Structures are given as C-alpha cells and as structure tokens.
Amino acid sequence: PDGSKLASGSHDNTIKVWNMSIGARGTLLLTIPNVSPHIGSLWWVQSVAFSPDGQNIASGASRGPIKIWDAESGDLIHTLDMINHYGISSVAYSPDGRNIACANGGTIKVLDIEN
C-alpha cells in the first residue's frame, strides 16, 4: 500500500515479496513456498494482492482455495474454501479489507473474509 513492497505469484508455486524502496529496489524479502500443494506441473499462483493495510497477502492459484498470508512472516492465516473447477485467476481486496473479490471460470464472487 505504501509502494515499498511488491508481491508476485509464480509458476514455481511460490509468492515472493520484494523490496521496492529506492536503493533496495528488487531485493527479495520473503518467499512463501508451496502455495498450492498439489502434485504436478499444472499448479501455480495466478494472482496476489496486498490487503489495504499491507499486513496480509491474498493469493489465488490455478487450483485450490483463496489463501491469506501474513506479509511479514509468510504464515498462512486463513483459507477461503470455494467450490471451483477453474482456479482463481484474480483476487482483489475491498478498500476496507473485509472482502475479497475473485474471478474464476467466467464468474466474479465477493467473499467475506471473516465468515
């Protein structure tokens, strides 16, 4: 949210958090491994988004649920289970951080994080 960090999702099934501050641009701060722990090469992180306060990262993968991670430690905080067969192609937080919008298989859903 303050522009000093960037999160990226990858084909290697990881989320990486990068320092984008002047003087440290592109320095790797954190790697969250095994985001979607499935066997095979068809599982990858397709979308990531920081929460408005910058404390959490939501991820959507080619298969599996939306997951919410601690942006500092990389610990898994919450899993939003949903039935889908297409994976999560995009995630975005609402401005108040209480909801996550996600897109999958031609459908957009808004999920309450707390319920």
PDB file of N, CA and C in Angstrom:
ATOM      1  N   PRO A   1       0.782  -1.226   0.000  1.00  0.00           N
ATOM      2  CA  PRO A   1       0.000   0.000   0.000  1.00  0.00           C
ATOM      3  C   PRO A   1       0.818   1.283   0.000  1.00  0.00           C
ATOM      4  N   ASP A   2       2.026   1.254   0.579  1.00  0.00           N
ATOM      5  CA  ASP A   2       2.836   2.469   0.531  1.00  0.00           C
ATOM      6  C   ASP A   2       3.811   2.460  -0.639  1.00  0.00           C
ATOM      7  N   GLY A   3       3.767   1.402  -1.458  1.00  0.00           N
ATOM      8  CA  GLY A   3       4.611   1.323  -2.640  1.00  0.00           C
ATOM      9  C   GLY A   3       6.012   0.797  -2.389  1.00  0.00           C
ATOM     10  N   SER A   4       6.327   0.424  -1.154  1.00  0.00           N
ATOM     11  CA  SER A   4       7.680  -0.041  -0.857  1.00  0.00           C
ATOM     12  C   SER A   4       7.857  -1.542  -1.070  1.00  0.00           C
ATOM     13  N   LYS A   5       6.746  -2.267  -1.223  1.00  0.00           N
ATOM     14  CA  LYS A   5       6.825  -3.715  -1.428  1.00  0.00           C
ATOM     15  C   LYS A   5       5.971  -4.120  -2.634  1.00  0.00           C
ATOM     16  N   LEU A   6       6.402  -5.189  -3.268  1.00  0.00           N
ATOM     17  CA  LEU A   6       5.678  -5.771  -4.384  1.00  0.00           C
ATOM     18  C   LEU A   6       5.570  -7.265  -4.138  1.00  0.00           C
ATOM     19  N   ALA A   7       4.396  -7.832  -4.357  1.00  0.00           N
ATOM     20  CA  ALA A   7       4.218  -9.278  -4.232  1.00  0.00           C
ATOM     21  C   ALA A   7       4.022  -9.854  -5.624  1.00  0.00           C
ATOM     22  N   SER A   8       4.627 -11.015  -5.862  1.00  0.00           N
ATOM     23  CA  SER A   8       4.472 -11.680  -7.157  1.00  0.00           C
ATOM     24  C   SER A   8       4.140 -13.152  -6.940  1.00  0.00           C
ATOM     25  N   GLY A   9       3.287 -13.669  -7.809  1.00  0.00           N
ATOM     26  CA  GLY A   9       2.973 -15.091  -7.812  1.00  0.00           C
ATOM     27  C   GLY A   9       3.659 -15.712  -9.003  1.00  0.00           C
ATOM     28  N   SER A  10       3.961 -16.998  -8.905  1.00  0.00           N
ATOM     29  CA  SER A  10       4.805 -17.587  -9.931  1.00  0.00           C
ATOM     30  C   SER A  10       4.391 -19.000 -10.313  1.00  0.00           C
ATOM     31  N   HIS A  11       4.931 -19.421 -11.447  1.00  0.00           N
ATOM     32  CA  HIS A  11       4.743 -20.771 -11.953  1.00  0.00           C
ATOM     33  C   HIS A  11       5.434 -21.805 -11.079  1.00  0.00           C
ATOM     34  N   ASP A  12       6.375 -21.362 -10.241  1.00  0.00           N
ATOM     35  CA  ASP A  12       7.065 -22.305  -9.351  1.00  0.00           C
ATOM     36  C   ASP A  12       6.300 -22.509  -8.045  1.00  0.00           C
ATOM     37  N   ASN A  13       5.018 -22.064  -8.019  1.00  0.00           N
ATOM     38  CA  ASN A  13       4.125 -22.298  -6.882  1.00  0.00           C
ATOM     39  C   ASN A  13       4.562 -21.538  -5.635  1.00  0.00           C
ATOM     40  N   THR A  14       5.151 -20.349  -5.825  1.00  0.00           N
ATOM     41  CA  THR A  14       5.571 -19.522  -4.703  1.00  0.00           C
ATOM     42  C   THR A  14       4.976 -18.122  -4.819  1.00  0.00           C
ATOM     43  N   ILE A  15       4.959 -17.436  -3.688  1.00  0.00           N
ATOM     44  CA  ILE A  15       4.728 -15.998  -3.646  1.00  0.00           C
ATOM     45  C   ILE A  15       6.041 -15.394  -3.179  1.00  0.00           C
ATOM     46  N   LYS A  16       6.457 -14.341  -3.848  1.00  0.00           N
ATOM     47  CA  LYS A  16       7.665 -13.638  -3.439  1.00  0.00           C
ATOM     48  C   LYS A  16       7.288 -12.199  -3.107  1.00  0.00           C
ATOM     49  N   VAL A  17       7.894 -11.677  -2.037  1.00  0.00           N
ATOM     50  CA  VAL A  17       7.697 -10.291  -1.644  1.00  0.00           C
ATOM     51  C   VAL A  17       9.035  -9.584  -1.849  1.00  0.00           C
ATOM     52  N   TRP A  18       8.979  -8.475  -2.588  1.00  0.00           N
ATOM     53  CA  TRP A  18      10.174  -7.748  -2.999  1.00  0.00           C
ATOM     54  C   TRP A  18      10.194  -6.359  -2.363  1.00  0.00           C
ATOM     55  N   ASN A  19      11.373  -5.895  -1.994  1.00  0.00           N
ATOM     56  CA  ASN A  19      11.567  -4.540  -1.509  1.00  0.00           C
ATOM     57  C   ASN A  19      11.714  -3.633  -2.726  1.00  0.00           C
ATOM     58  N   MET A  20      10.847  -2.641  -2.859  1.00  0.00           N
ATOM     59  CA  MET A  20      10.890  -1.739  -3.997  1.00  0.00           C
ATOM     60  C   MET A  20      11.294  -0.325  -3.581  1.00  0.00           C
ATOM     61  N   SER A  21      11.818  -0.178  -2.361  1.00  0.00           N
ATOM     62  CA  SER A  21      12.275   1.125  -1.890  1.00  0.00           C
ATOM     63  C   SER A  21      13.484   1.581  -2.697  1.00  0.00           C
ATOM     64  N   ILE A  22      13.657   2.875  -2.800  1.00  0.00           N
ATOM     65  CA  ILE A  22      14.825   3.429  -3.502  1.00  0.00           C
ATOM     66  C   ILE A  22      16.083   2.939  -2.809  1.00  0.00           C
ATOM     67  N   GLY A  23      17.021   2.478  -3.583  1.00  0.00           N
ATOM     68  CA  GLY A  23      18.273   1.958  -3.037  1.00  0.00           C
ATOM     69  C   GLY A  23      18.262   0.468  -2.786  1.00  0.00           C
ATOM     70  N   ALA A  24      17.083  -0.111  -2.656  1.00  0.00           N
ATOM     71  CA  ALA A  24      16.984  -1.558  -2.416  1.00  0.00           C
ATOM     72  C   ALA A  24      16.087  -2.216  -3.455  1.00  0.00           C
ATOM     73  N   ARG A  25      15.765  -1.517  -4.495  1.00  0.00           N
ATOM     74  CA  ARG A  25      14.805  -1.969  -5.490  1.00  0.00           C
ATOM     75  C   ARG A  25      15.118  -3.376  -5.995  1.00  0.00           C
ATOM     76  N   GLY A  26      14.134  -4.249  -5.865  1.00  0.00           N
ATOM     77  CA  GLY A  26      14.265  -5.602  -6.373  1.00  0.00           C
ATOM     78  C   GLY A  26      14.895  -6.584  -5.408  1.00  0.00           C
ATOM     79  N   THR A  27      15.101  -6.192  -4.165  1.00  0.00           N
ATOM     80  CA  THR A  27      15.665  -7.101  -3.166  1.00  0.00           C
ATOM     81  C   THR A  27      14.566  -8.026  -2.661  1.00  0.00           C
ATOM     82  N   LEU A  28      14.825  -9.321  -2.709  1.00  0.00           N
ATOM     83  CA  LEU A  28      13.861 -10.308  -2.233  1.00  0.00           C
ATOM     84  C   LEU A  28      13.793 -10.272  -0.710  1.00  0.00           C
ATOM     85  N   LEU A  29      12.575 -10.085  -0.177  1.00  0.00           N
ATOM     86  CA  LEU A  29      12.372 -10.056   1.272  1.00  0.00           C
ATOM     87  C   LEU A  29      11.853 -11.372   1.825  1.00  0.00           C
ATOM     88  N   LEU A  30      11.002 -12.060   1.054  1.00  0.00           N
ATOM     89  CA  LEU A  30      10.303 -13.233   1.578  1.00  0.00           C
ATOM     90  C   LEU A  30       9.872 -14.125   0.424  1.00  0.00           C
ATOM     91  N   THR A  31      10.001 -15.425   0.618  1.00  0.00           N
ATOM     92  CA  THR A  31       9.433 -16.400  -0.306  1.00  0.00           C
ATOM     93  C   THR A  31       8.475 -17.281   0.464  1.00  0.00           C
ATOM     94  N   ILE A  32       7.237 -17.349  -0.003  1.00  0.00           N
ATOM     95  CA  ILE A  32       6.241 -18.247   0.587  1.00  0.00           C
ATOM     96  C   ILE A  32       6.160 -19.453  -0.341  1.00  0.00           C
ATOM     97  N   PRO A  33       6.670 -20.610   0.088  1.00  0.00           N
ATOM     98  CA  PRO A  33       6.718 -21.778  -0.789  1.00  0.00           C
ATOM     99  C   PRO A  33       5.433 -22.596  -0.767  1.00  0.00           C
ATOM    100  N   ASN A  34       5.286 -23.430  -1.767  1.00  0.00           N
ATOM    101  CA  ASN A  34       4.253 -24.467  -1.791  1.00  0.00           C
ATOM    102  C   ASN A  34       2.858 -23.895  -1.520  1.00  0.00           C
ATOM    103  N   VAL A  35       2.517 -22.832  -2.227  1.00  0.00           N
ATOM    104  CA  VAL A  35       1.254 -22.131  -2.012  1.00  0.00           C
ATOM    105  C   VAL A  35       0.058 -23.031  -2.302  1.00  0.00           C
ATOM    106  N   SER A  36       0.138 -23.782  -3.376  1.00  0.00           N
ATOM    107  CA  SER A  36      -0.935 -24.707  -3.738  1.00  0.00           C
ATOM    108  C   SER A  36      -0.333 -26.102  -3.813  1.00  0.00           C
ATOM    109  N   PRO A  37      -0.294 -26.815  -2.680  1.00  0.00           N
ATOM    110  CA  PRO A  37       0.475 -28.058  -2.601  1.00  0.00           C
ATOM    111  C   PRO A  37      -0.174 -29.243  -3.306  1.00  0.00           C
ATOM    112  N   HIS A  38      -0.058 -29.260  -4.604  1.00  0.00           N
ATOM    113  CA  HIS A  38      -0.570 -30.365  -5.398  1.00  0.00           C
ATOM    114  C   HIS A  38       0.569 -30.946  -6.223  1.00  0.00           C
ATOM    115  N   ILE A  39       0.454 -32.171  -6.550  1.00  0.00           N
ATOM    116  CA  ILE A  39       1.486 -32.839  -7.334  1.00  0.00           C
ATOM    117  C   ILE A  39       1.244 -32.532  -8.801  1.00  0.00           C
ATOM    118  N   GLY A  40       2.306 -32.248  -9.513  1.00  0.00           N
ATOM    119  CA  GLY A  40       2.196 -31.990 -10.940  1.00  0.00           C
ATOM    120  C   GLY A  40       2.622 -30.583 -11.293  1.00  0.00           C
ATOM    121  N   SER A  41       2.724 -30.328 -12.574  1.00  0.00           N
ATOM    122  CA  SER A  41       3.234 -29.043 -13.037  1.00  0.00           C
ATOM    123  C   SER A  41       2.126 -28.057 -13.386  1.00  0.00           C
ATOM    124  N   LEU A  42       0.881 -28.414 -13.154  1.00  0.00           N
ATOM    125  CA  LEU A  42      -0.225 -27.549 -13.549  1.00  0.00           C
ATOM    126  C   LEU A  42      -0.730 -26.648 -12.429  1.00  0.00           C
ATOM    127  N   TRP A  43       0.010 -26.517 -11.358  1.00  0.00           N
ATOM    128  CA  TRP A  43      -0.413 -25.722 -10.215  1.00  0.00           C
ATOM    129  C   TRP A  43       0.503 -24.520 -10.074  1.00  0.00           C
ATOM    130  N   TRP A  44      -0.062 -23.324 -10.147  1.00  0.00           N
ATOM    131  CA  TRP A  44       0.758 -22.141  -9.995  1.00  0.00           C
ATOM    132  C   TRP A  44      -0.063 -21.000  -9.411  1.00  0.00           C
ATOM    133  N   VAL A  45       0.630 -20.018  -8.870  1.00  0.00           N
ATOM    134  CA  VAL A  45      -0.017 -18.844  -8.284  1.00  0.00           C
ATOM    135  C   VAL A  45      -0.347 -17.889  -9.421  1.00  0.00           C
ATOM    136  N   GLN A  46      -1.628 -17.608  -9.596  1.00  0.00           N
ATOM    137  CA  GLN A  46      -2.063 -16.767 -10.711  1.00  0.00           C
ATOM    138  C   GLN A  46      -2.287 -15.318 -10.313  1.00  0.00           C
ATOM    139  N   SER A  47      -2.593 -15.061  -9.038  1.00  0.00           N
ATOM    140  CA  SER A  47      -2.903 -13.695  -8.637  1.00  0.00           C
ATOM    141  C   SER A  47      -2.572 -13.500  -7.159  1.00  0.00           C
ATOM    142  N   VAL A  48      -2.045 -12.327  -6.841  1.00  0.00           N
ATOM    143  CA  VAL A  48      -1.786 -11.948  -5.457  1.00  0.00           C
ATOM    144  C   VAL A  48      -2.231 -10.506  -5.253  1.00  0.00           C
ATOM    145  N   ALA A  49      -2.597 -10.170  -4.014  1.00  0.00           N
ATOM    146  CA  ALA A  49      -2.992  -8.798  -3.693  1.00  0.00           C
ATOM    147  C   ALA A  49      -2.686  -8.521  -2.225  1.00  0.00           C
ATOM    148  N   PHE A  50      -2.104  -7.359  -1.959  1.00  0.00           N
ATOM    149  CA  PHE A  50      -1.915  -6.911  -0.583  1.00  0.00           C
ATOM    150  C   PHE A  50      -3.235  -6.415  -0.021  1.00  0.00           C
ATOM    151  N   SER A  51      -3.450  -6.652   1.277  1.00  0.00           N
ATOM    152  CA  SER A  51      -4.588  -6.050   1.973  1.00  0.00           C
ATOM    153  C   SER A  51      -4.349  -4.538   2.044  1.00  0.00           C
ATOM    154  N   PRO A  52      -5.413  -3.752   2.230  1.00  0.00           N
ATOM    155  CA  PRO A  52      -5.239  -2.296   2.276  1.00  0.00           C
ATOM    156  C   PRO A  52      -4.242  -1.810   3.337  1.00  0.00           C
ATOM    157  N   ASP A  53      -4.125  -2.528   4.443  1.00  0.00           N
ATOM    158  CA  ASP A  53      -3.170  -2.123   5.484  1.00  0.00           C
ATOM    159  C   ASP A  53      -1.772  -2.694   5.252  1.00  0.00           C
ATOM    160  N   GLY A  54      -1.607  -3.519   4.212  1.00  0.00           N
ATOM    161  CA  GLY A  54      -0.308  -4.082   3.869  1.00  0.00           C
ATOM    162  C   GLY A  54       0.151  -5.237   4.731  1.00  0.00           C
ATOM    163  N   GLN A  55      -0.680  -5.684   5.666  1.00  0.00           N
ATOM    164  CA  GLN A  55      -0.264  -6.740   6.585  1.00  0.00           C
ATOM    165  C   GLN A  55      -0.470  -8.149   6.038  1.00  0.00           C
ATOM    166  N   ASN A  56      -1.372  -8.312   5.073  1.00  0.00           N
ATOM    167  CA  ASN A  56      -1.685  -9.643   4.534  1.00  0.00           C
ATOM    168  C   ASN A  56      -1.588  -9.639   3.018  1.00  0.00           C
ATOM    169  N   ILE A  57      -1.441 -10.850   2.488  1.00  0.00           N
ATOM    170  CA  ILE A  57      -1.445 -11.062   1.045  1.00  0.00           C
ATOM    171  C   ILE A  57      -2.465 -12.144   0.738  1.00  0.00           C
ATOM    172  N   ALA A  58      -3.368 -11.886  -0.184  1.00  0.00           N
ATOM    173  CA  ALA A  58      -4.301 -12.908  -0.666  1.00  0.00           C
ATOM    174  C   ALA A  58      -3.713 -13.518  -1.925  1.00  0.00           C
ATOM    175  N   SER A  59      -3.914 -14.824  -2.083  1.00  0.00           N
ATOM    176  CA  SER A  59      -3.426 -15.495  -3.288  1.00  0.00           C
ATOM    177  C   SER A  59      -4.519 -16.340  -3.909  1.00  0.00           C
ATOM    178  N   GLY A  60      -4.496 -16.397  -5.214  1.00  0.00           N
ATOM    179  CA  GLY A  60      -5.360 -17.282  -5.976  1.00  0.00           C
ATOM    180  C   GLY A  60      -4.485 -18.130  -6.878  1.00  0.00           C
ATOM    181  N   ALA A  61      -4.760 -19.418  -6.926  1.00  0.00           N
ATOM    182  CA  ALA A  61      -3.929 -20.338  -7.695  1.00  0.00           C
ATOM    183  C   ALA A  61      -4.742 -21.031  -8.783  1.00  0.00           C
ATOM    184  N   SER A  62      -4.030 -21.741  -9.642  1.00  0.00           N
ATOM    185  CA  SER A  62      -4.687 -22.424 -10.752  1.00  0.00           C
ATOM    186  C   SER A  62      -5.643 -23.510 -10.278  1.00  0.00           C
ATOM    187  N   ARG A  63      -5.459 -23.982  -9.081  1.00  0.00           N
ATOM    188  CA  ARG A  63      -6.396 -24.895  -8.428  1.00  0.00           C
ATOM    189  C   ARG A  63      -6.362 -24.584  -6.938  1.00  0.00           C
ATOM    190  N   GLY A  64      -7.461 -24.850  -6.268  1.00  0.00           N
ATOM    191  CA  GLY A  64      -7.476 -24.689  -4.825  1.00  0.00           C
ATOM    192  C   GLY A  64      -8.143 -23.405  -4.371  1.00  0.00           C
ATOM    193  N   PRO A  65      -8.177 -23.205  -3.074  1.00  0.00           N
ATOM    194  CA  PRO A  65      -8.890 -22.075  -2.478  1.00  0.00           C
ATOM    195  C   PRO A  65      -8.068 -20.786  -2.520  1.00  0.00           C
ATOM    196  N   ILE A  66      -8.712 -19.706  -2.156  1.00  0.00           N
ATOM    197  CA  ILE A  66      -8.001 -18.457  -1.903  1.00  0.00           C
ATOM    198  C   ILE A  66      -7.343 -18.595  -0.535  1.00  0.00           C
ATOM    199  N   LYS A  67      -6.104 -18.145  -0.441  1.00  0.00           N
ATOM    200  CA  LYS A  67      -5.392 -18.206   0.829  1.00  0.00           C
ATOM    201  C   LYS A  67      -4.932 -16.812   1.214  1.00  0.00           C
ATOM    202  N   ILE A  68      -4.913 -16.566   2.522  1.00  0.00           N
ATOM    203  CA  ILE A  68      -4.463 -15.290   3.045  1.00  0.00           C
ATOM    204  C   ILE A  68      -3.231 -15.543   3.903  1.00  0.00           C
ATOM    205  N   TRP A  69      -2.174 -14.800   3.621  1.00  0.00           N
ATOM    206  CA  TRP A  69      -0.862 -14.994   4.226  1.00  0.00           C
ATOM    207  C   TRP A  69      -0.439 -13.752   4.987  1.00  0.00           C
ATOM    208  N   ASP A  70       0.342 -13.929   6.045  1.00  0.00           N
ATOM    209  CA  ASP A  70       0.965 -12.816   6.739  1.00  0.00           C
ATOM    210  C   ASP A  70       2.092 -12.283   5.844  1.00  0.00           C
ATOM    211  N   ALA A  71       2.064 -10.999   5.540  1.00  0.00           N
ATOM    212  CA  ALA A  71       3.021 -10.413   4.597  1.00  0.00           C
ATOM    213  C   ALA A  71       4.440 -10.315   5.158  1.00  0.00           C
ATOM    214  N   GLU A  72       4.609 -10.393   6.462  1.00  0.00           N
ATOM    215  CA  GLU A  72       5.946 -10.330   7.068  1.00  0.00           C
ATOM    216  C   GLU A  72       6.548 -11.715   7.275  1.00  0.00           C
ATOM    217  N   SER A  73       5.752 -12.642   7.829  1.00  0.00           N
ATOM    218  CA  SER A  73       6.284 -13.963   8.191  1.00  0.00           C
ATOM    219  C   SER A  73       6.048 -15.021   7.105  1.00  0.00           C
ATOM    220  N   GLY A  74       5.033 -14.824   6.271  1.00  0.00           N
ATOM    221  CA  GLY A  74       4.668 -15.827   5.285  1.00  0.00           C
ATOM    222  C   GLY A  74       3.765 -16.919   5.825  1.00  0.00           C
ATOM    223  N   ASP A  75       3.339 -16.783   7.079  1.00  0.00           N
ATOM    224  CA  ASP A  75       2.461 -17.786   7.682  1.00  0.00           C
ATOM    225  C   ASP A  75       1.071 -17.734   7.049  1.00  0.00           C
ATOM    226  N   LEU A  76       0.465 -18.907   6.878  1.00  0.00           N
ATOM    227  CA  LEU A  76      -0.905 -18.992   6.388  1.00  0.00           C
ATOM    228  C   LEU A  76      -1.842 -18.559   7.509  1.00  0.00           C
ATOM    229  N   ILE A  77      -2.690 -17.584   7.231  1.00  0.00           N
ATOM    230  CA  ILE A  77      -3.608 -17.051   8.233  1.00  0.00           C
ATOM    231  C   ILE A  77      -5.008 -17.624   8.061  1.00  0.00           C
ATOM    232  N   HIS A  78      -5.450 -17.735   6.812  1.00  0.00           N
ATOM    233  CA  HIS A  78      -6.849 -18.089   6.566  1.00  0.00           C
ATOM    234  C   HIS A  78      -6.978 -18.718   5.179  1.00  0.00           C
ATOM    235  N   THR A  79      -7.910 -19.636   5.050  1.00  0.00           N
ATOM    236  CA  THR A  79      -8.236 -20.247   3.761  1.00  0.00           C
ATOM    237  C   THR A  79      -9.703 -20.025   3.484  1.00  0.00           C
ATOM    238  N   LEU A  80     -10.003 -19.499   2.308  1.00  0.00           N
ATOM    239  CA  LEU A  80     -11.389 -19.283   1.886  1.00  0.00           C
ATOM    240  C   LEU A  80     -11.746 -20.386   0.897  1.00  0.00           C
ATOM    241  N   ASP A  81     -12.364 -21.428   1.410  1.00  0.00           N
ATOM    242  CA  ASP A  81     -12.733 -22.550   0.553  1.00  0.00           C
ATOM    243  C   ASP A  81     -13.898 -22.163  -0.337  1.00  0.00           C
ATOM    244  N   MET A  82     -13.781 -22.491  -1.585  1.00  0.00           N
ATOM    245  CA  MET A  82     -14.875 -22.312  -2.526  1.00  0.00           C
ATOM    246  C   MET A  82     -14.823 -23.460  -3.516  1.00  0.00           C
ATOM    247  N   ILE A  83     -15.971 -23.826  -3.970  1.00  0.00           N
ATOM    248  CA  ILE A  83     -16.032 -24.890  -4.976  1.00  0.00           C
ATOM    249  C   ILE A  83     -15.805 -24.237  -6.330  1.00  0.00           C
ATOM    250  N   ASN A  84     -14.734 -24.614  -6.975  1.00  0.00           N
ATOM    251  CA  ASN A  84     -14.492 -24.132  -8.330  1.00  0.00           C
ATOM    252  C   ASN A  84     -13.655 -25.157  -9.064  1.00  0.00           C
ATOM    253  N   HIS A  85     -13.826 -25.164 -10.339  1.00  0.00           N
ATOM    254  CA  HIS A  85     -13.100 -26.123 -11.166  1.00  0.00           C
ATOM    255  C   HIS A  85     -12.130 -25.415 -12.109  1.00  0.00           C
ATOM    256  N   TYR A  86     -12.049 -24.099 -12.006  1.00  0.00           N
ATOM    257  CA  TYR A  86     -11.266 -23.329 -12.956  1.00  0.00           C
ATOM    258  C   TYR A  86     -10.080 -22.613 -12.315  1.00  0.00           C
ATOM    259  N   GLY A  87      -9.931 -22.719 -11.014  1.00  0.00           N
ATOM    260  CA  GLY A  87      -8.888 -21.983 -10.330  1.00  0.00           C
ATOM    261  C   GLY A  87      -9.301 -20.537 -10.123  1.00  0.00           C
ATOM    262  N   ILE A  88      -8.435 -19.786  -9.501  1.00  0.00           N
ATOM    263  CA  ILE A  88      -8.679 -18.377  -9.225  1.00  0.00           C
ATOM    264  C   ILE A  88      -7.747 -17.565 -10.112  1.00  0.00           C
ATOM    265  N   SER A  89      -8.315 -16.809 -11.027  1.00  0.00           N
ATOM    266  CA  SER A  89      -7.482 -16.046 -11.952  1.00  0.00           C
ATOM    267  C   SER A  89      -7.160 -14.650 -11.449  1.00  0.00           C
ATOM    268  N   SER A  90      -7.950 -14.137 -10.488  1.00  0.00           N
ATOM    269  CA  SER A  90      -7.699 -12.798  -9.993  1.00  0.00           C
ATOM    270  C   SER A  90      -8.275 -12.634  -8.583  1.00  0.00           C
ATOM    271  N   VAL A  91      -7.538 -11.928  -7.723  1.00  0.00           N
ATOM    272  CA  VAL A  91      -8.022 -11.584  -6.380  1.00  0.00           C
ATOM    273  C   VAL A  91      -7.787 -10.098  -6.138  1.00  0.00           C
ATOM    274  N   ALA A  92      -8.703  -9.478  -5.383  1.00  0.00           N
ATOM    275  CA  ALA A  92      -8.558  -8.069  -5.016  1.00  0.00           C
ATOM    276  C   ALA A  92      -9.293  -7.821  -3.708  1.00  0.00           C
ATOM    277  N   TYR A  93      -8.684  -7.053  -2.835  1.00  0.00           N
ATOM    278  CA  TYR A  93      -9.325  -6.678  -1.568  1.00  0.00           C
ATOM    279  C   TYR A  93     -10.267  -5.502  -1.784  1.00  0.00           C
ATOM    280  N   SER A  94     -11.317  -5.451  -0.966  1.00  0.00           N
ATOM    281  CA  SER A  94     -12.148  -4.257  -0.903  1.00  0.00           C
ATOM    282  C   SER A  94     -11.358  -3.174  -0.159  1.00  0.00           C
ATOM    283  N   PRO A  95     -11.707  -1.908  -0.338  1.00  0.00           N
ATOM    284  CA  PRO A  95     -10.951  -0.840   0.332  1.00  0.00           C
ATOM    285  C   PRO A  95     -10.902  -0.964   1.855  1.00  0.00           C
ATOM    286  N   ASP A  96     -11.939  -1.537   2.472  1.00  0.00           N
ATOM    287  CA  ASP A  96     -11.932  -1.693   3.931  1.00  0.00           C
ATOM    288  C   ASP A  96     -11.248  -2.983   4.383  1.00  0.00           C
ATOM    289  N   GLY A  97     -10.844  -3.845   3.448  1.00  0.00           N
ATOM    290  CA  GLY A  97     -10.135  -5.076   3.777  1.00  0.00           C
ATOM    291  C   GLY A  97     -10.993  -6.200   4.300  1.00  0.00           C
ATOM    292  N   ARG A  98     -12.313  -6.032   4.298  1.00  0.00           N
ATOM    293  CA  ARG A  98     -13.206  -7.061   4.846  1.00  0.00           C
ATOM    294  C   ARG A  98     -13.650  -8.099   3.813  1.00  0.00           C
ATOM    295  N   ASN A  99     -13.509  -7.778   2.550  1.00  0.00           N
ATOM    296  CA  ASN A  99     -13.960  -8.672   1.488  1.00  0.00           C
ATOM    297  C   ASN A  99     -12.859  -8.859   0.460  1.00  0.00           C
ATOM    298  N   ILE A 100     -12.951  -9.983  -0.229  1.00  0.00           N
ATOM    299  CA  ILE A 100     -12.064 -10.251  -1.357  1.00  0.00           C
ATOM    300  C   ILE A 100     -12.934 -10.567  -2.559  1.00  0.00           C
ATOM    301  N   ALA A 101     -12.666  -9.882  -3.644  1.00  0.00           N
ATOM    302  CA  ALA A 101     -13.314 -10.207  -4.912  1.00  0.00           C
ATOM    303  C   ALA A 101     -12.390 -11.167  -5.641  1.00  0.00           C
ATOM    304  N   CYS A 102     -12.991 -12.171  -6.267  1.00  0.00           N
ATOM    305  CA  CYS A 102     -12.189 -13.130  -7.014  1.00  0.00           C
ATOM    306  C   CYS A 102     -12.891 -13.456  -8.322  1.00  0.00           C
ATOM    307  N   ALA A 103     -12.085 -13.793  -9.298  1.00  0.00           N
ATOM    308  CA  ALA A 103     -12.616 -14.195 -10.595  1.00  0.00           C
ATOM    309  C   ALA A 103     -12.139 -15.608 -10.885  1.00  0.00           C
ATOM    310  N   ASN A 104     -13.069 -16.407 -11.415  1.00  0.00           N
ATOM    311  CA  ASN A 104     -12.713 -17.773 -11.805  1.00  0.00           C
ATOM    312  C   ASN A 104     -13.729 -18.307 -12.793  1.00  0.00           C
ATOM    313  N   GLY A 105     -13.245 -18.868 -13.870  1.00  0.00           N
ATOM    314  CA  GLY A 105     -14.121 -19.528 -14.833  1.00  0.00           C
ATOM    315  C   GLY A 105     -15.265 -18.681 -15.342  1.00  0.00           C
ATOM    316  N   GLY A 106     -15.049 -17.391 -15.538  1.00  0.00           N
ATOM    317  CA  GLY A 106     -16.088 -16.521 -16.042  1.00  0.00           C
ATOM    318  C   GLY A 106     -17.017 -15.980 -14.976  1.00  0.00           C
ATOM    319  N   THR A 107     -16.728 -16.232 -13.705  1.00  0.00           N
ATOM    320  CA  THR A 107     -17.565 -15.777 -12.596  1.00  0.00           C
ATOM    321  C   THR A 107     -16.762 -14.874 -11.683  1.00  0.00           C
ATOM    322  N   ILE A 108     -17.407 -13.817 -11.194  1.00  0.00           N
ATOM    323  CA  ILE A 108     -16.801 -12.954 -10.188  1.00  0.00           C
ATOM    324  C   ILE A 108     -17.598 -13.124  -8.903  1.00  0.00           C
ATOM    325  N   LYS A 109     -16.879 -13.340  -7.803  1.00  0.00           N
ATOM    326  CA  LYS A 109     -17.523 -13.505  -6.499  1.00  0.00           C
ATOM    327  C   LYS A 109     -16.890 -12.553  -5.505  1.00  0.00           C
ATOM    328  N   VAL A 110     -17.682 -12.102  -4.532  1.00  0.00           N
ATOM    329  CA  VAL A 110     -17.182 -11.311  -3.433  1.00  0.00           C
ATOM    330  C   VAL A 110     -17.360 -12.126  -2.169  1.00  0.00           C
ATOM    331  N   LEU A 111     -16.263 -12.371  -1.467  1.00  0.00           N
ATOM    332  CA  LEU A 111     -16.271 -13.226  -0.286  1.00  0.00           C
ATOM    333  C   LEU A 111     -15.980 -12.420   0.965  1.00  0.00           C
ATOM    334  N   ASP A 112     -16.716 -12.692   2.014  1.00  0.00           N
ATOM    335  CA  ASP A 112     -16.475 -12.085   3.329  1.00  0.00           C
ATOM    336  C   ASP A 112     -15.316 -12.826   3.974  1.00  0.00           C
ATOM    337  N   ILE A 113     -14.250 -12.142   4.269  1.00  0.00           N
ATOM    338  CA  ILE A 113     -13.052 -12.788   4.833  1.00  0.00           C
ATOM    339  C   ILE A 113     -13.321 -13.367   6.211  1.00  0.00           C
ATOM    340  N   GLU A 114     -14.129 -12.703   6.994  1.00  0.00           N
ATOM    341  CA  GLU A 114     -14.337 -13.111   8.390  1.00  0.00           C
ATOM    342  C   GLU A 114     -15.326 -14.258   8.548  1.00  0.00           C
ATOM    343  N   ASN A 115     -16.122 -14.547   7.554  1.00  0.00           N
ATOM    344  CA  ASN A 115     -17.107 -15.616   7.663  1.00  0.00           C
ATOM    345  C   ASN A 115     -16.798 -16.734   6.715  1.00  0.00           C
TER     346      ASN A 115
END
